[in-house]
């Protein structure tokens, strides 16, 4: 059984919650929440890319 990589799991949860919250923000017509969700999604993907590049060295 493989060991859980907690940093990837947390980033995946942040990305999933940001995506779901973005849909809710669009339905509620809240620009501020939609921007925050887009920033959270971008942060999680950028952090995962940085983690992947560090582990490949």
N, C-alpha and C. Protein backbone atom coordinates (compact mmCIF):
# COMPACT_ATOMS: atom_id res chain seq x y z
N UNK A 1 0.84 -1.18 0.00
CA UNK A 1 0.00 0.00 0.00
C UNK A 1 0.88 1.24 0.00
N UNK A 2 0.56 2.18 -0.87
CA UNK A 2 1.36 3.39 -0.99
C UNK A 2 1.05 4.38 0.12
N UNK A 3 2.05 5.16 0.46
CA UNK A 3 1.87 6.19 1.47
C UNK A 3 1.16 7.40 0.84
N UNK A 4 0.28 8.03 1.59
CA UNK A 4 -0.48 9.18 1.10
C UNK A 4 0.43 10.40 1.06
N UNK A 5 0.42 11.11 -0.06
CA UNK A 5 1.14 12.37 -0.17
C UNK A 5 0.16 13.48 0.22
N UNK A 6 0.26 13.95 1.44
CA UNK A 6 -0.73 14.88 1.99
C UNK A 6 -0.76 16.22 1.27
N UNK A 7 0.36 16.69 0.80
CA UNK A 7 0.37 17.98 0.13
C UNK A 7 -0.45 17.93 -1.17
N UNK A 8 -0.32 16.85 -1.94
CA UNK A 8 -1.13 16.72 -3.15
C UNK A 8 -2.61 16.56 -2.82
N UNK A 9 -2.91 15.84 -1.76
CA UNK A 9 -4.30 15.65 -1.36
C UNK A 9 -4.94 16.98 -0.96
N UNK A 10 -4.23 17.79 -0.19
CA UNK A 10 -4.76 19.09 0.23
C UNK A 10 -4.95 20.01 -0.98
N UNK A 11 -3.99 20.00 -1.89
CA UNK A 11 -4.12 20.83 -3.09
C UNK A 11 -5.29 20.37 -3.97
N UNK A 12 -5.52 19.08 -4.04
CA UNK A 12 -6.66 18.56 -4.82
C UNK A 12 -7.99 18.96 -4.19
N UNK A 13 -8.05 18.94 -2.86
CA UNK A 13 -9.28 19.36 -2.18
C UNK A 13 -9.53 20.85 -2.40
N UNK A 14 -8.46 21.67 -2.33
CA UNK A 14 -8.61 23.10 -2.58
C UNK A 14 -9.11 23.35 -4.00
N UNK A 15 -8.56 22.63 -4.96
CA UNK A 15 -8.98 22.79 -6.35
C UNK A 15 -10.44 22.38 -6.55
N UNK A 16 -10.85 21.28 -5.94
CA UNK A 16 -12.24 20.82 -6.07
C UNK A 16 -13.21 21.80 -5.42
N UNK A 17 -12.86 22.29 -4.24
CA UNK A 17 -13.73 23.26 -3.57
C UNK A 17 -13.79 24.58 -4.32
N UNK A 18 -12.68 24.99 -4.91
CA UNK A 18 -12.66 26.22 -5.70
C UNK A 18 -13.54 26.09 -6.93
N UNK A 19 -13.49 24.95 -7.57
CA UNK A 19 -14.31 24.73 -8.76
C UNK A 19 -15.80 24.74 -8.40
N UNK A 20 -16.16 24.06 -7.33
CA UNK A 20 -17.57 24.03 -6.91
C UNK A 20 -18.03 25.41 -6.47
N UNK A 21 -17.18 26.12 -5.73
CA UNK A 21 -17.54 27.46 -5.26
C UNK A 21 -17.63 28.44 -6.42
N UNK A 22 -16.82 28.24 -7.44
CA UNK A 22 -16.89 29.11 -8.62
C UNK A 22 -18.25 28.99 -9.29
N UNK A 23 -18.77 27.78 -9.40
CA UNK A 23 -20.09 27.57 -9.98
C UNK A 23 -21.18 28.23 -9.15
N UNK A 24 -21.06 28.13 -7.84
CA UNK A 24 -22.03 28.78 -6.96
C UNK A 24 -21.93 30.29 -7.08
N UNK A 25 -20.71 30.81 -7.17
CA UNK A 25 -20.52 32.26 -7.28
C UNK A 25 -21.12 32.80 -8.58
N UNK A 26 -20.97 32.05 -9.66
CA UNK A 26 -21.56 32.48 -10.93
C UNK A 26 -23.08 32.46 -10.84
N UNK A 27 -23.63 31.44 -10.20
CA UNK A 27 -25.08 31.36 -10.06
C UNK A 27 -25.62 32.50 -9.19
N UNK A 28 -24.85 32.90 -8.18
CA UNK A 28 -25.25 33.99 -7.30
C UNK A 28 -24.86 35.36 -7.84
N UNK A 29 -24.15 35.38 -8.96
CA UNK A 29 -23.67 36.61 -9.60
C UNK A 29 -22.78 37.43 -8.68
N UNK A 30 -21.87 36.75 -8.01
CA UNK A 30 -20.92 37.40 -7.12
C UNK A 30 -19.55 37.40 -7.77
N UNK A 31 -19.14 38.56 -8.23
CA UNK A 31 -17.85 38.68 -8.91
C UNK A 31 -16.70 38.47 -7.94
N UNK A 32 -16.80 39.00 -6.74
CA UNK A 32 -15.72 38.91 -5.76
C UNK A 32 -15.42 37.46 -5.38
N UNK A 33 -16.46 36.68 -5.11
CA UNK A 33 -16.26 35.28 -4.76
C UNK A 33 -15.72 34.50 -5.96
N UNK A 34 -16.19 34.81 -7.16
CA UNK A 34 -15.70 34.13 -8.36
C UNK A 34 -14.22 34.40 -8.57
N UNK A 35 -13.78 35.63 -8.34
CA UNK A 35 -12.36 35.96 -8.49
C UNK A 35 -11.53 35.23 -7.44
N UNK A 36 -12.02 35.19 -6.20
CA UNK A 36 -11.30 34.47 -5.14
C UNK A 36 -11.19 32.99 -5.47
N UNK A 37 -12.23 32.40 -6.01
CA UNK A 37 -12.20 30.98 -6.38
C UNK A 37 -11.24 30.73 -7.53
N UNK A 38 -11.21 31.64 -8.50
CA UNK A 38 -10.27 31.49 -9.61
C UNK A 38 -8.83 31.59 -9.11
N UNK A 39 -8.57 32.50 -8.19
CA UNK A 39 -7.24 32.62 -7.61
C UNK A 39 -6.85 31.36 -6.83
N UNK A 40 -7.79 30.81 -6.07
CA UNK A 40 -7.53 29.58 -5.32
C UNK A 40 -7.24 28.41 -6.24
N UNK A 41 -7.96 28.34 -7.34
CA UNK A 41 -7.74 27.26 -8.32
C UNK A 41 -6.37 27.41 -8.97
N UNK A 42 -6.03 28.63 -9.35
CA UNK A 42 -4.72 28.87 -9.95
C UNK A 42 -3.59 28.58 -8.99
N UNK A 43 -3.77 28.97 -7.72
CA UNK A 43 -2.76 28.70 -6.70
C UNK A 43 -2.53 27.21 -6.52
N UNK A 44 -3.61 26.45 -6.47
CA UNK A 44 -3.46 25.01 -6.23
C UNK A 44 -2.76 24.32 -7.40
N UNK A 45 -3.06 24.71 -8.64
CA UNK A 45 -2.38 24.11 -9.79
C UNK A 45 -0.92 24.53 -9.85
N UNK A 46 -0.64 25.80 -9.54
CA UNK A 46 0.75 26.27 -9.56
C UNK A 46 1.57 25.59 -8.47
N UNK A 47 1.00 25.42 -7.30
CA UNK A 47 1.71 24.76 -6.21
C UNK A 47 1.96 23.28 -6.54
N UNK A 48 1.00 22.64 -7.16
CA UNK A 48 1.20 21.23 -7.55
C UNK A 48 2.30 21.11 -8.60
N UNK A 49 2.36 22.06 -9.53
CA UNK A 49 3.42 22.05 -10.53
C UNK A 49 4.78 22.23 -9.88
N UNK A 50 4.87 23.14 -8.89
CA UNK A 50 6.13 23.35 -8.19
C UNK A 50 6.54 22.10 -7.42
N UNK A 51 5.59 21.43 -6.78
CA UNK A 51 5.90 20.21 -6.05
C UNK A 51 6.40 19.11 -6.99
N UNK A 52 5.77 19.00 -8.15
CA UNK A 52 6.18 17.99 -9.12
C UNK A 52 7.59 18.25 -9.64
N UNK A 53 7.90 19.53 -9.88
CA UNK A 53 9.24 19.84 -10.39
C UNK A 53 10.31 19.59 -9.33
N UNK A 54 10.00 19.83 -8.07
CA UNK A 54 10.97 19.58 -7.00
C UNK A 54 11.22 18.09 -6.80
N UNK A 55 10.17 17.29 -6.93
CA UNK A 55 10.33 15.85 -6.70
C UNK A 55 11.03 15.16 -7.89
N UNK A 56 11.03 15.80 -9.05
CA UNK A 56 11.67 15.22 -10.21
C UNK A 56 13.16 15.45 -10.28
N UNK A 57 13.69 16.30 -9.43
CA UNK A 57 15.13 16.63 -9.48
C UNK A 57 15.97 15.58 -8.87
